[in-house]
Protein backbone atom coordinates (compact mmCIF):
# COMPACT_ATOMS: atom_id res chain seq x y z
CA UNK A 1 0.00 0.00 0.00
CA UNK A 2 2.77 2.44 0.91
CA UNK A 3 4.64 1.52 -2.26
CA UNK A 4 1.58 2.34 -4.40
CA UNK A 5 1.20 5.70 -2.65
CA UNK A 6 4.90 6.45 -3.15
CA UNK A 7 4.62 5.53 -6.84
CA UNK A 8 1.60 7.85 -7.22
CA UNK A 9 3.58 10.75 -5.71
CA UNK A 10 6.51 10.12 -8.04
CA UNK A 11 4.19 10.09 -11.06
CA UNK A 12 2.35 13.23 -9.89
CA UNK A 13 5.61 15.14 -9.50
CA UNK A 14 6.17 14.86 -13.24
CA UNK A 15 2.98 16.87 -13.75
CA UNK A 16 3.33 19.25 -10.77
CA UNK A 17 4.06 22.33 -12.89
CA UNK A 18 0.99 21.71 -15.04
CA UNK A 19 -1.16 21.10 -11.95
CA UNK A 20 -0.03 24.39 -10.38
CA UNK A 21 -0.62 26.37 -13.57
CA UNK A 22 -4.02 24.79 -14.16
CA UNK A 23 -5.14 25.43 -10.59
CA UNK A 24 -4.15 29.08 -10.83
CA UNK A 25 -5.97 29.45 -14.14
CA UNK A 26 -9.13 27.94 -12.71
CA UNK A 27 -8.96 30.22 -9.65
CA UNK A 28 -8.55 33.32 -11.84
CA UNK A 29 -11.51 32.24 -13.97
CA UNK A 30 -13.70 31.62 -10.91
CA UNK A 31 -12.72 34.95 -9.36
CA UNK A 32 -13.45 36.79 -12.61
CA UNK A 33 -16.72 35.04 -13.41
CA UNK A 34 -18.19 34.88 -9.91
CA UNK A 35 -20.12 38.13 -10.37
CA UNK A 36 -21.47 37.12 -13.80
CA UNK A 37 -22.57 33.73 -12.48
CA UNK A 38 -24.43 35.30 -9.58
CA UNK A 39 -22.20 33.66 -7.00
CA UNK A 40 -20.55 36.07 -4.61
CA UNK A 41 -17.28 34.47 -3.57
CA UNK A 42 -15.28 37.67 -3.56
CA UNK A 43 -16.81 41.14 -3.14
CA UNK A 44 -17.00 43.02 -6.44
CA UNK A 45 -14.85 45.92 -5.26
CA UNK A 46 -11.84 43.70 -4.47
CA UNK A 47 -12.17 41.26 -7.39
CA UNK A 48 -9.50 43.01 -9.55
CA UNK A 49 -6.99 42.90 -6.69
CA UNK A 50 -7.70 39.27 -5.87
CA UNK A 51 -7.44 38.32 -9.55
CA UNK A 52 -4.12 40.15 -9.82
CA UNK A 53 -2.80 38.46 -6.66
CA UNK A 54 -3.83 35.00 -7.89
CA UNK A 55 -2.18 35.64 -11.26
CA UNK A 56 1.08 36.77 -9.63
CA UNK A 57 1.08 33.82 -7.20
CA UNK A 58 0.35 31.40 -10.04
CA UNK A 59 3.26 32.77 -12.03
CA UNK A 60 5.58 32.52 -9.04
CA UNK A 61 4.41 29.02 -8.13
CA UNK A 62 4.82 27.84 -11.71
CA UNK A 63 8.35 29.26 -11.76
CA UNK A 64 9.19 27.74 -8.34
CA UNK A 65 8.03 24.20 -9.14
CA UNK A 66 10.94 22.36 -10.76
CA UNK A 67 10.67 20.34 -13.91
CA UNK A 68 10.95 16.67 -12.99
CA UNK A 69 11.73 14.14 -15.71
CA UNK A 70 9.28 11.26 -16.03
CA UNK A 71 12.01 8.61 -15.84
CA UNK A 72 13.23 9.48 -12.29
């Protein structure tokens, strides 16, 4: 069981950069569309600042996550 979990982590690390970038993209889309969808997650007056912060953090996180070859 532990070996399967360890193997899953090793395989997921190969896609970590894509996972971080995709998560940030989804968060920016949700923050931007929350008012149009009628769901108030973030107050309208701070939405531009939150969207900017998420975009900057996504860029930094994508840069910080190393590229891991699949064969390691």
